[in-house]
Amino acid sequence: CGLRALNAHGARSIRMTIDRYTHASEILDEIARHRLRVREVPVTVIYH
């Protein structure tokens, strides 16, 4: 999905090293690596 919301601790913990569309997976990998808490919230996605 690519939509992410982080608190200040989470934002400081995550290190982005890649760009383009793979950033969505990299963020989730970093969340797992740092054992950050996650809560999913449903969103509506409109594809064109």
ModelCIF file with pLDDT and N, C-alpha, C, O atoms, coordinates in Angstrom:
data_MODEL
#
_entry.id   MODEL 
#
_entity.id                         1 
_entity.type                       polymer 
_entity.pdbx_number_of_molecules   1 
#
_entity_poly.entity_id                      1 
_entity_poly.type                           'polypeptide(L)' 
_entity_poly.nstd_linkage                   no 
_entity_poly.nstd_monomer                   no 
_entity_poly.pdbx_seq_one_letter_code       CGLRALNAHGARSIRMTIDRYTHASEILDEIARHRLRVREVPVTVIYH 
_entity_poly.pdbx_seq_one_letter_code_can   CGLRALNAHGARSIRMTIDRYTHASEILDEIARHRLRVREVPVTVIYH 
_entity_poly.pdbx_strand_id                 A 
#
loop_
_entity_poly_seq.entity_id 
_entity_poly_seq.num 
_entity_poly_seq.mon_id 
_entity_poly_seq.hetero 
1 1  CYS n 
1 2  GLY n 
1 3  LEU n 
1 4  ARG n 
1 5  ALA n 
1 6  LEU n 
1 7  ASN n 
1 8  ALA n 
1 9  HIS n 
1 10 GLY n 
1 11 ALA n 
1 12 ARG n 
1 13 SER n 
1 14 ILE n 
1 15 ARG n 
1 16 MET n 
1 17 THR n 
1 18 ILE n 
1 19 ASP n 
1 20 ARG n 
1 21 TYR n 
1 22 THR n 
1 23 HIS n 
1 24 ALA n 
1 25 SER n 
1 26 GLU n 
1 27 ILE n 
1 28 LEU n 
1 29 ASP n 
1 30 GLU n 
1 31 ILE n 
1 32 ALA n 
1 33 ARG n 
1 34 HIS n 
1 35 ARG n 
1 36 LEU n 
1 37 ARG n 
1 38 VAL n 
1 39 ARG n 
1 40 GLU n 
1 41 VAL n 
1 42 PRO n 
1 43 VAL n 
1 44 THR n 
1 45 VAL n 
1 46 ILE n 
1 47 TYR n 
1 48 HIS n 
#
_struct_asym.id          A 
_struct_asym.entity_id   1 
#
loop_
_ma_qa_metric.id 
_ma_qa_metric.mode 
_ma_qa_metric.name 
_ma_qa_metric.software_group_id 
_ma_qa_metric.type 
1 global pLDDT . pLDDT 
2 local  pLDDT . pLDDT 
#
_ma_qa_metric_global.metric_id      1 
_ma_qa_metric_global.metric_value   80.56 
_ma_qa_metric_global.model_id       1 
_ma_qa_metric_global.ordinal_id     1 
#
loop_
_ma_qa_metric_local.label_asym_id 
_ma_qa_metric_local.label_comp_id 
_ma_qa_metric_local.label_seq_id 
_ma_qa_metric_local.metric_id 
_ma_qa_metric_local.metric_value 
_ma_qa_metric_local.model_id 
_ma_qa_metric_local.ordinal_id 
A CYS 1  2 73.00 1 1  
A GLY 2  2 67.00 1 2  
A LEU 3  2 74.00 1 3  
A ARG 4  2 80.00 1 4  
A ALA 5  2 83.00 1 5  
A LEU 6  2 84.00 1 6  
A ASN 7  2 88.00 1 7  
A ALA 8  2 90.00 1 8  
A HIS 9  2 91.00 1 9  
A GLY 10 2 88.00 1 10 
A ALA 11 2 87.00 1 11 
A ARG 12 2 89.00 1 12 
A SER 13 2 90.00 1 13 
A ILE 14 2 86.00 1 14 
A ARG 15 2 84.00 1 15 
A MET 16 2 79.00 1 16 
A THR 17 2 78.00 1 17 
A ILE 18 2 72.00 1 18 
A ASP 19 2 65.00 1 19 
A ARG 20 2 64.00 1 20 
A TYR 21 2 64.00 1 21 
A THR 22 2 68.00 1 22 
A HIS 23 2 73.00 1 23 
A ALA 24 2 75.00 1 24 
A SER 25 2 77.00 1 25 
A GLU 26 2 81.00 1 26 
A ILE 27 2 83.00 1 27 
A LEU 28 2 84.00 1 28 
A ASP 29 2 83.00 1 29 
A GLU 30 2 85.00 1 30 
A ILE 31 2 87.00 1 31 
A ALA 32 2 87.00 1 32 
A ARG 33 2 86.00 1 33 
A HIS 34 2 89.00 1 34 
A ARG 35 2 90.00 1 35 
A LEU 36 2 90.00 1 36 
A ARG 37 2 87.00 1 37 
A VAL 38 2 84.00 1 38 
A ARG 39 2 84.00 1 39 
A GLU 40 2 84.00 1 40 
A VAL 41 2 84.00 1 41 
A PRO 42 2 83.00 1 42 
A VAL 43 2 82.00 1 43 
A THR 44 2 82.00 1 44 
A VAL 45 2 74.00 1 45 
A ILE 46 2 73.00 1 46 
A TYR 47 2 69.00 1 47 
A HIS 48 2 67.00 1 48 
#
loop_
_atom_site.group_PDB 
_atom_site.id 
_atom_site.type_symbol 
_atom_site.label_atom_id 
_atom_site.label_alt_id 
_atom_site.label_comp_id 
_atom_site.label_asym_id 
_atom_site.label_entity_id 
_atom_site.label_seq_id 
_atom_site.pdbx_PDB_ins_code 
_atom_site.Cartn_x 
_atom_site.Cartn_y 
_atom_site.Cartn_z 
_atom_site.occupancy 
_atom_site.B_iso_or_equiv 
_atom_site.pdbx_formal_charge 
_atom_site.auth_seq_id 
_atom_site.auth_comp_id 
_atom_site.auth_asym_id 
_atom_site.auth_atom_id 
_atom_site.pdbx_PDB_model_num 
ATOM 1   N N  . CYS A 1 1  ? 0.836  -1.205 0.000   1.00 73.00 ? 1  CYS A N  1 
ATOM 2   C CA . CYS A 1 1  ? 0.000  0.000  0.000   1.00 73.00 ? 1  CYS A CA 1 
ATOM 3   C C  . CYS A 1 1  ? 0.868  1.252  0.000   1.00 73.00 ? 1  CYS A C  1 
ATOM 4   O O  . CYS A 1 1  ? 0.575  2.194  -0.737  1.00 73.00 ? 1  CYS A O  1 
ATOM 5   N N  . GLY A 1 2  ? 1.907  1.289  0.788   1.00 67.00 ? 2  GLY A N  1 
ATOM 6   C CA . GLY A 1 2  ? 2.805  2.433  0.822   1.00 67.00 ? 2  GLY A CA 1 
ATOM 7   C C  . GLY A 1 2  ? 2.422  3.510  1.820   1.00 67.00 ? 2  GLY A C  1 
ATOM 8   O O  . GLY A 1 2  ? 3.237  4.383  2.116   1.00 67.00 ? 2  GLY A O  1 
ATOM 9   N N  . LEU A 1 3  ? 1.209  3.475  2.343   1.00 74.00 ? 3  LEU A N  1 
ATOM 10  C CA . LEU A 1 3  ? 0.795  4.472  3.330   1.00 74.00 ? 3  LEU A CA 1 
ATOM 11  C C  . LEU A 1 3  ? 1.297  4.032  4.700   1.00 74.00 ? 3  LEU A C  1 
ATOM 12  O O  . LEU A 1 3  ? 0.932  2.960  5.182   1.00 74.00 ? 3  LEU A O  1 
ATOM 13  N N  . ARG A 1 4  ? 2.131  4.854  5.327   1.00 80.00 ? 4  ARG A N  1 
ATOM 14  C CA . ARG A 1 4  ? 2.698  4.531  6.631   1.00 80.00 ? 4  ARG A CA 1 
ATOM 15  C C  . ARG A 1 4  ? 2.610  5.756  7.527   1.00 80.00 ? 4  ARG A C  1 
ATOM 16  O O  . ARG A 1 4  ? 2.779  6.886  7.069   1.00 80.00 ? 4  ARG A O  1 
ATOM 17  N N  . ALA A 1 5  ? 2.348  5.528  8.791   1.00 83.00 ? 5  ALA A N  1 
ATOM 18  C CA . ALA A 1 5  ? 2.387  6.589  9.800   1.00 83.00 ? 5  ALA A CA 1 
ATOM 19  C C  . ALA A 1 5  ? 3.282  6.085  10.916  1.00 83.00 ? 5  ALA A C  1 
ATOM 20  O O  . ALA A 1 5  ? 3.118  4.963  11.393  1.00 83.00 ? 5  ALA A O  1 
ATOM 21  N N  . LEU A 1 6  ? 4.217  6.905  11.326  1.00 84.00 ? 6  LEU A N  1 
ATOM 22  C CA . LEU A 1 6  ? 5.185  6.512  12.349  1.00 84.00 ? 6  LEU A CA 1 
ATOM 23  C C  . LEU A 1 6  ? 5.227  7.556  13.461  1.00 84.00 ? 6  LEU A C  1 
ATOM 24  O O  . LEU A 1 6  ? 5.046  8.749  13.218  1.00 84.00 ? 6  LEU A O  1 
ATOM 25  N N  . ASN A 1 7  ? 5.469  7.088  14.680  1.00 88.00 ? 7  ASN A N  1 
ATOM 26  C CA . ASN A 1 7  ? 5.723  8.064  15.737  1.00 88.00 ? 7  ASN A CA 1 
ATOM 27  C C  . ASN A 1 7  ? 7.193  8.490  15.632  1.00 88.00 ? 7  ASN A C  1 
ATOM 28  O O  . ASN A 1 7  ? 7.924  7.977  14.785  1.00 88.00 ? 7  ASN A O  1 
ATOM 29  N N  . ALA A 1 8  ? 7.618  9.398  16.463  1.00 90.00 ? 8  ALA A N  1 
ATOM 30  C CA . ALA A 1 8  ? 8.977  9.945  16.365  1.00 90.00 ? 8  ALA A CA 1 
ATOM 31  C C  . ALA A 1 8  ? 10.033 8.853  16.549  1.00 90.00 ? 8  ALA A C  1 
ATOM 32  O O  . ALA A 1 8  ? 11.028 8.836  15.825  1.00 90.00 ? 8  ALA A O  1 
ATOM 33  N N  . HIS A 1 9  ? 9.834  7.951  17.497  1.00 91.00 ? 9  HIS A N  1 
ATOM 34  C CA . HIS A 1 9  ? 10.798 6.867  17.723  1.00 91.00 ? 9  HIS A CA 1 
ATOM 35  C C  . HIS A 1 9  ? 10.909 5.978  16.485  1.00 91.00 ? 9  HIS A C  1 
ATOM 36  O O  . HIS A 1 9  ? 12.013 5.628  16.069  1.00 91.00 ? 9  HIS A O  1 
ATOM 37  N N  . GLY A 1 10 ? 9.775  5.615  15.899  1.00 88.00 ? 10 GLY A N  1 
ATOM 38  C CA . GLY A 1 10 ? 9.785  4.782  14.704  1.00 88.00 ? 10 GLY A CA 1 
ATOM 39  C C  . GLY A 1 10 ? 10.472 5.472  13.535  1.00 88.00 ? 10 GLY A C  1 
ATOM 40  O O  . GLY A 1 10 ? 11.252 4.850  12.814  1.00 88.00 ? 10 GLY A O  1 
ATOM 41  N N  . ALA A 1 11 ? 10.187 6.742  13.348  1.00 87.00 ? 11 ALA A N  1 
ATOM 42  C CA . ALA A 1 11 ? 10.799 7.500  12.248  1.00 87.00 ? 11 ALA A CA 1 
ATOM 43  C C  . ALA A 1 11 ? 12.309 7.600  12.414  1.00 87.00 ? 11 ALA A C  1 
ATOM 44  O O  . ALA A 1 11 ? 13.040 7.537  11.426  1.00 87.00 ? 11 ALA A O  1 
ATOM 45  N N  . ARG A 1 12 ? 12.788 7.752  13.638  1.00 89.00 ? 12 ARG A N  1 
ATOM 46  C CA . ARG A 1 12 ? 14.230 7.814  13.869  1.00 89.00 ? 12 ARG A CA 1 
ATOM 47  C C  . ARG A 1 12 ? 14.885 6.447  13.706  1.00 89.00 ? 12 ARG A C  1 
ATOM 48  O O  . ARG A 1 12 ? 16.068 6.374  13.374  1.00 89.00 ? 12 ARG A O  1 
ATOM 49  N N  . SER A 1 13 ? 14.157 5.381  13.929  1.00 90.00 ? 13 SER A N  1 
ATOM 50  C CA . SER A 1 13 ? 14.712 4.030  13.882  1.00 90.00 ? 13 SER A CA 1 
ATOM 51  C C  . SER A 1 13 ? 14.911 3.509  12.464  1.00 90.00 ? 13 SER A C  1 
ATOM 52  O O  . SER A 1 13 ? 15.813 2.710  12.213  1.00 90.00 ? 13 SER A O  1 
ATOM 53  N N  . ILE A 1 14 ? 14.081 3.954  11.552  1.00 86.00 ? 14 ILE A N  1 
ATOM 54  C CA . ILE A 1 14 ? 14.085 3.404  10.198  1.00 86.00 ? 14 ILE A CA 1 
ATOM 55  C C  . ILE A 1 14 ? 15.109 4.104  9.322   1.00 86.00 ? 14 ILE A C  1 
ATOM 56  O O  . ILE A 1 14 ? 15.160 5.332  9.251   1.00 86.00 ? 14 ILE A O  1 
ATOM 57  N N  . ARG A 1 15 ? 15.916 3.302  8.662   1.00 84.00 ? 15 ARG A N  1 
ATOM 58  C CA . ARG A 1 15 ? 16.933 3.827  7.748   1.00 84.00 ? 15 ARG A CA 1 
ATOM 59  C C  . ARG A 1 15 ? 16.562 3.400  6.333   1.00 84.00 ? 15 ARG A C  1 
ATOM 60  O O  . ARG A 1 15 ? 16.543 2.208  6.029   1.00 84.00 ? 15 ARG A O  1 
ATOM 61  N N  . MET A 1 16 ? 16.272 4.351  5.480   1.00 79.00 ? 16 MET A N  1 
ATOM 62  C CA . MET A 1 16 ? 15.912 4.069  4.090   1.00 79.00 ? 16 MET A CA 1 
ATOM 63  C C  . MET A 1 16 ? 17.168 4.075  3.233   1.00 79.00 ? 16 MET A C  1 
ATOM 64  O O  . MET A 1 16 ? 17.974 5.003  3.299   1.00 79.00 ? 16 MET A O  1 
ATOM 65  N N  . THR A 1 17 ? 17.327 3.024  2.422   1.00 78.00 ? 17 THR A N  1 
ATOM 66  C CA . THR A 1 17 ? 18.507 2.939  1.561   1.00 78.00 ? 17 THR A CA 1 
ATOM 67  C C  . THR A 1 17 ? 18.143 2.786  0.090   1.00 78.00 ? 17 THR A C  1 
ATOM 68  O O  . THR A 1 17 ? 19.010 2.911  -0.775  1.00 78.00 ? 17 THR A O  1 
ATOM 69  N N  . ILE A 1 18 ? 16.878 2.519  -0.204  1.00 72.00 ? 18 ILE A N  1 
ATOM 70  C CA . ILE A 1 18 ? 16.471 2.324  -1.591  1.00 72.00 ? 18 ILE A CA 1 
ATOM 71  C C  . ILE A 1 18 ? 15.335 3.268  -1.932  1.00 72.00 ? 18 ILE A C  1 
ATOM 72  O O  . ILE A 1 18 ? 14.708 3.855  -1.050  1.00 72.00 ? 18 ILE A O  1 
ATOM 73  N N  . ASP A 1 19 ? 15.079 3.406  -3.221  1.00 65.00 ? 19 ASP A N  1 
ATOM 74  C CA . ASP A 1 19 ? 14.015 4.304  -3.646  1.00 65.00 ? 19 ASP A CA 1 
ATOM 75  C C  . ASP A 1 19 ? 13.036 3.551  -4.539  1.00 65.00 ? 19 ASP A C  1 
ATOM 76  O O  . ASP A 1 19 ? 13.068 2.324  -4.627  1.00 65.00 ? 19 ASP A O  1 
ATOM 77  N N  . ARG A 1 20 ? 12.202 4.278  -5.170  1.00 64.00 ? 20 ARG A N  1 
ATOM 78  C CA . ARG A 1 20 ? 11.177 3.746  -6.056  1.00 64.00 ? 20 ARG A CA 1 
ATOM 79  C C  . ARG A 1 20 ? 10.177 2.916  -5.265  1.00 64.00 ? 20 ARG A C  1 
ATOM 80  O O  . ARG A 1 20 ? 10.000 3.150  -4.069  1.00 64.00 ? 20 ARG A O  1 
ATOM 81  N N  . TYR A 1 21 ? 9.525  1.964  -5.894  1.00 64.00 ? 21 TYR A N  1 
ATOM 82  C CA . TYR A 1 21 ? 8.408  1.263  -5.270  1.00 64.00 ? 21 TYR A CA 1 
ATOM 83  C C  . TYR A 1 21 ? 8.809  0.274  -4.181  1.00 64.00 ? 21 TYR A C  1 
ATOM 84  O O  . TYR A 1 21 ? 7.955  -0.130 -3.391  1.00 64.00 ? 21 TYR A O  1 
ATOM 85  N N  . THR A 1 22 ? 10.059 -0.124 -4.111  1.00 68.00 ? 22 THR A N  1 
ATOM 86  C CA . THR A 1 22 ? 10.451 -1.096 -3.100  1.00 68.00 ? 22 THR A CA 1 
ATOM 87  C C  . THR A 1 22 ? 10.564 -0.491 -1.706  1.00 68.00 ? 22 THR A C  1 
ATOM 88  O O  . THR A 1 22 ? 10.821 -1.210 -0.741  1.00 68.00 ? 22 THR A O  1 
ATOM 89  N N  . HIS A 1 23 ? 10.376 0.815  -1.588  1.00 73.00 ? 23 HIS A N  1 
ATOM 90  C CA . HIS A 1 23 ? 10.444 1.450  -0.265  1.00 73.00 ? 23 HIS A CA 1 
ATOM 91  C C  . HIS A 1 23 ? 9.371  0.888  0.670   1.00 73.00 ? 23 HIS A C  1 
ATOM 92  O O  . HIS A 1 23 ? 9.588  0.812  1.879   1.00 73.00 ? 23 HIS A O  1 
ATOM 93  N N  . ALA A 1 24 ? 8.222  0.497  0.127   1.00 75.00 ? 24 ALA A N  1 
ATOM 94  C CA . ALA A 1 24 ? 7.137  -0.026 0.967   1.00 75.00 ? 24 ALA A CA 1 
ATOM 95  C C  . ALA A 1 24 ? 7.592  -1.268 1.719   1.00 75.00 ? 24 ALA A C  1 
ATOM 96  O O  . ALA A 1 24 ? 7.296  -1.421 2.904   1.00 75.00 ? 24 ALA A O  1 
ATOM 97  N N  . SER A 1 25 ? 8.306  -2.152 1.040   1.00 77.00 ? 25 SER A N  1 
ATOM 98  C CA . SER A 1 25 ? 8.825  -3.356 1.694   1.00 77.00 ? 25 SER A CA 1 
ATOM 99  C C  . SER A 1 25 ? 9.984  -3.038 2.624   1.00 77.00 ? 25 SER A C  1 
ATOM 100 O O  . SER A 1 25 ? 10.109 -3.640 3.691   1.00 77.00 ? 25 SER A O  1 
ATOM 101 N N  . GLU A 1 26 ? 10.832 -2.097 2.229   1.00 81.00 ? 26 GLU A N  1 
ATOM 102 C CA . GLU A 1 26 ? 11.972 -1.751 3.075   1.00 81.00 ? 26 GLU A CA 1 
ATOM 103 C C  . GLU A 1 26 ? 11.502 -1.199 4.418   1.00 81.00 ? 26 GLU A C  1 
ATOM 104 O O  . GLU A 1 26 ? 12.082 -1.526 5.453   1.00 81.00 ? 26 GLU A O  1 
ATOM 105 N N  . ILE A 1 27 ? 10.473 -0.378 4.416   1.00 83.00 ? 27 ILE A N  1 
ATOM 106 C CA . ILE A 1 27 ? 9.943  0.158  5.669   1.00 83.00 ? 27 ILE A CA 1 
ATOM 107 C C  . ILE A 1 27 ? 9.460  -0.982 6.559   1.00 83.00 ? 27 ILE A C  1 
ATOM 108 O O  . ILE A 1 27 ? 9.740  -0.990 7.757   1.00 83.00 ? 27 ILE A O  1 
ATOM 109 N N  . LEU A 1 28 ? 8.735  -1.946 5.984   1.00 84.00 ? 28 LEU A N  1 
ATOM 110 C CA . LEU A 1 28 ? 8.240  -3.077 6.778   1.00 84.00 ? 28 LEU A CA 1 
ATOM 111 C C  . LEU A 1 28 ? 9.389  -3.938 7.294   1.00 84.00 ? 28 LEU A C  1 
ATOM 112 O O  . LEU A 1 28 ? 9.324  -4.442 8.415   1.00 84.00 ? 28 LEU A O  1 
ATOM 113 N N  . ASP A 1 29 ? 10.433 -4.113 6.498   1.00 83.00 ? 29 ASP A N  1 
ATOM 114 C CA . ASP A 1 29 ? 11.614 -4.856 6.960   1.00 83.00 ? 29 ASP A CA 1 
ATOM 115 C C  . ASP A 1 29 ? 12.267 -4.148 8.145   1.00 83.00 ? 29 ASP A C  1 
ATOM 116 O O  . ASP A 1 29 ? 12.658 -4.790 9.120   1.00 83.00 ? 29 ASP A O  1 
ATOM 117 N N  . GLU A 1 30 ? 12.383 -2.829 8.057   1.00 85.00 ? 30 GLU A N  1 
ATOM 118 C CA . GLU A 1 30 ? 12.980 -2.049 9.143   1.00 85.00 ? 30 GLU A CA 1 
ATOM 119 C C  . GLU A 1 30 ? 12.112 -2.105 10.403  1.00 85.00 ? 30 GLU A C  1 
ATOM 120 O O  . GLU A 1 30 ? 12.636 -2.175 11.514  1.00 85.00 ? 30 GLU A O  1 
ATOM 121 N N  . ILE A 1 31 ? 10.809 -2.073 10.235  1.00 87.00 ? 31 ILE A N  1 
ATOM 122 C CA . ILE A 1 31 ? 9.897  -2.180 11.381  1.00 87.00 ? 31 ILE A CA 1 
ATOM 123 C C  . ILE A 1 31 ? 10.122 -3.512 12.093  1.00 87.00 ? 31 ILE A C  1 
ATOM 124 O O  . ILE A 1 31 ? 10.191 -3.564 13.321  1.00 87.00 ? 31 ILE A O  1 
ATOM 125 N N  . ALA A 1 32 ? 10.237 -4.586 11.317  1.00 87.00 ? 32 ALA A N  1 
ATOM 126 C CA . ALA A 1 32 ? 10.481 -5.910 11.909  1.00 87.00 ? 32 ALA A CA 1 
ATOM 127 C C  . ALA A 1 32 ? 11.854 -5.969 12.569  1.00 87.00 ? 32 ALA A C  1 
ATOM 128 O O  . ALA A 1 32 ? 11.996 -6.509 13.666  1.00 87.00 ? 32 ALA A O  1 
ATOM 129 N N  . ARG A 1 33 ? 12.862 -5.414 11.902  1.00 86.00 ? 33 ARG A N  1 
ATOM 130 C CA . ARG A 1 33 ? 14.237 -5.466 12.427  1.00 86.00 ? 33 ARG A CA 1 
ATOM 131 C C  . ARG A 1 33 ? 14.354 -4.745 13.761  1.00 86.00 ? 33 ARG A C  1 
ATOM 132 O O  . ARG A 1 33 ? 15.075 -5.191 14.653  1.00 86.00 ? 33 ARG A O  1 
ATOM 133 N N  . HIS A 1 34 ? 13.651 -3.639 13.894  1.00 89.00 ? 34 HIS A N  1 
ATOM 134 C CA . HIS A 1 34 ? 13.699 -2.858 15.138  1.00 89.00 ? 34 HIS A CA 1 
ATOM 135 C C  . HIS A 1 34 ? 12.596 -3.249 16.123  1.00 89.00 ? 34 HIS A C  1 
ATOM 136 O O  . HIS A 1 34 ? 12.470 -2.661 17.197  1.00 89.00 ? 34 HIS A O  1 
ATOM 137 N N  . ARG A 1 35 ? 11.802 -4.251 15.739  1.00 90.00 ? 35 ARG A N  1 
ATOM 138 C CA . ARG A 1 35 ? 10.715 -4.758 16.582  1.00 90.00 ? 35 ARG A CA 1 
ATOM 139 C C  . ARG A 1 35 ? 9.765  -3.650 17.033  1.00 90.00 ? 35 ARG A C  1 
ATOM 140 O O  . ARG A 1 35 ? 9.383  -3.564 18.200  1.00 90.00 ? 35 ARG A O  1 
ATOM 141 N N  . LEU A 1 36 ? 9.399  -2.811 16.072  1.00 90.00 ? 36 LEU A N  1 
ATOM 142 C CA . LEU A 1 36 ? 8.462  -1.735 16.356  1.00 90.00 ? 36 LEU A CA 1 
ATOM 143 C C  . LEU A 1 36 ? 7.039  -2.280 16.341  1.00 90.00 ? 36 LEU A C  1 
ATOM 144 O O  . LEU A 1 36 ? 6.742  -3.245 15.636  1.00 90.00 ? 36 LEU A O  1 
ATOM 145 N N  . ARG A 1 37 ? 6.175  -1.667 17.113  1.00 87.00 ? 37 ARG A N  1 
ATOM 146 C CA . ARG A 1 37 ? 4.769  -2.077 17.138  1.00 87.00 ? 37 ARG A CA 1 
ATOM 147 C C  . ARG A 1 37 ? 4.071  -1.602 15.873  1.00 87.00 ? 37 ARG A C  1 
ATOM 148 O O  . ARG A 1 37 ? 4.384  -0.546 15.323  1.00 87.00 ? 37 ARG A O  1 
ATOM 149 N N  . VAL A 1 38 ? 3.117  -2.413 15.428  1.00 84.00 ? 38 VAL A N  1 
ATOM 150 C CA . VAL A 1 38 ? 2.374  -2.100 14.207  1.00 84.00 ? 38 VAL A CA 1 
ATOM 151 C C  . VAL A 1 38 ? 0.886  -2.234 14.471  1.00 84.00 ? 38 VAL A C  1 
ATOM 152 O O  . VAL A 1 38 ? 0.442  -3.140 15.176  1.00 84.00 ? 38 VAL A O  1 
ATOM 153 N N  . ARG A 1 39 ? 0.137  -1.332 13.903  1.00 84.00 ? 39 ARG A N  1 
ATOM 154 C CA . ARG A 1 39 ? -1.320 -1.446 13.913  1.00 84.00 ? 39 ARG A CA 1 
ATOM 155 C C  . ARG A 1 39 ? -1.803 -1.080 12.524  1.00 84.00 ? 39 ARG A C  1 
ATOM 156 O O  . ARG A 1 39 ? -1.520 0.009  12.024  1.00 84.00 ? 39 ARG A O  1 
ATOM 157 N N  . GLU A 1 40 ? -2.530 -1.988 11.906  1.00 84.00 ? 40 GLU A N  1 
ATOM 158 C CA . GLU A 1 40 ? -3.076 -1.710 10.584  1.00 84.00 ? 40 GLU A CA 1 
ATOM 159 C C  . GLU A 1 40 ? -4.416 -0.996 10.713  1.00 84.00 ? 40 GLU A C  1 
ATOM 160 O O  . GLU A 1 40 ? -5.236 -1.317 11.572  1.00 84.00 ? 40 GLU A O  1 
ATOM 161 N N  . VAL A 1 41 ? -4.609 -0.025 9.839   1.00 84.00 ? 41 VAL A N  1 
ATOM 162 C CA . VAL A 1 41 ? -5.854 0.724  9.786   1.00 84.00 ? 41 VAL A CA 1 
ATOM 163 C C  . VAL A 1 41 ? -6.331 0.666  8.334   1.00 84.00 ? 41 VAL A C  1 
ATOM 164 O O  . VAL A 1 41 ? -5.570 0.989  7.423   1.00 84.00 ? 41 VAL A O  1 
ATOM 165 N N  . PRO A 1 42 ? -7.575 0.260  8.112   1.00 83.00 ? 42 PRO A N  1 
ATOM 166 C CA . PRO A 1 42 ? -8.054 0.156  6.728   1.00 83.00 ? 42 PRO A CA 1 
ATOM 167 C C  . PRO A 1 42 ? -8.066 1.512  6.016   1.00 83.00 ? 42 PRO A C  1 
ATOM 168 O O  . PRO A 1 42 ? -8.433 2.532  6.599   1.00 83.00 ? 42 PRO A O  1 
ATOM 169 N N  . VAL A 1 43 ? -7.664 1.499  4.765   1.00 82.00 ? 43 VAL A N  1 
ATOM 170 C CA . VAL A 1 43 ? -7.721 2.694  3.922   1.00 82.00 ? 43 VAL A CA 1 
ATOM 171 C C  . VAL A 1 43 ? -8.362 2.300  2.593   1.00 82.00 ? 43 VAL A C  1 
ATOM 172 O O  . VAL A 1 43 ? -8.344 1.131  2.205   1.00 82.00 ? 43 VAL A O  1 
ATOM 173 N N  . THR A 1 44 ? -8.915 3.268  1.918   1.00 82.00 ? 44 THR A N  1 
ATOM 174 C CA . THR A 1 44 ? -9.485 3.036  0.597   1.00 82.00 ? 44 THR A CA 1 
ATOM 175 C C  . THR A 1 44 ? -8.463 3.478  -0.445  1.00 82.00 ? 44 THR A C  1 
ATOM 176 O O  . THR A 1 44 ? -7.976 4.608  -0.405  1.00 82.00 ? 44 THR A O  1 
ATOM 177 N N  . VAL A 1 45 ? -8.147 2.596  -1.362  1.00 74.00 ? 45 VAL A N  1 
ATOM 178 C CA . VAL A 1 45 ? -7.191 2.899  -2.422  1.00 74.00 ? 45 VAL A CA 1 
ATOM 179 C C  . VAL A 1 45 ? -7.961 2.979  -3.734  1.00 74.00 ? 45 VAL A C  1 
ATOM 180 O O  . VAL A 1 45 ? -8.737 2.084  -4.067  1.00 74.00 ? 45 VAL A O  1 
ATOM 181 N N  . ILE A 1 46 ? -7.740 4.045  -4.465  1.00 73.00 ? 46 ILE A N  1 
ATOM 182 C CA . ILE A 1 46 ? -8.380 4.210  -5.767  1.00 73.00 ? 46 ILE A CA 1 
ATOM 183 C C  . ILE A 1 46 ? -7.304 4.067  -6.837  1.00 73.00 ? 46 ILE A C  1 
ATOM 184 O O  . ILE A 1 46 ? -6.394 4.891  -6.925  1.00 73.00 ? 46 ILE A O  1 
ATOM 185 N N  . TYR A 1 47 ? -7.410 3.033  -7.638  1.00 69.00 ? 47 TYR A N  1 
ATOM 186 C CA . TYR A 1 47 ? -6.447 2.805  -8.706  1.00 69.00 ? 47 TYR A CA 1 
ATOM 187 C C  . TYR A 1 47 ? -6.972 3.427  -9.996  1.00 69.00 ? 47 TYR A C  1 
ATOM 188 O O  . TYR A 1 47 ? -8.151 3.293  -10.323 1.00 69.00 ? 47 TYR A O  1 
ATOM 189 N N  . HIS A 1 48 ? -6.106 4.096  -10.710 1.00 67.00 ? 48 HIS A N  1 
ATOM 190 C CA . HIS A 1 48 ? -6.465 4.730  -11.972 1.00 67.00 ? 48 HIS A CA 1 
ATOM 191 C C  . HIS A 1 48 ? -6.073 3.824  -13.128 1.00 67.00 ? 48 HIS A C  1 
ATOM 192 O O  . HIS A 1 48 ? -6.291 4.174  -14.288 1.00 67.00 ? 48 HIS A O  1 
#
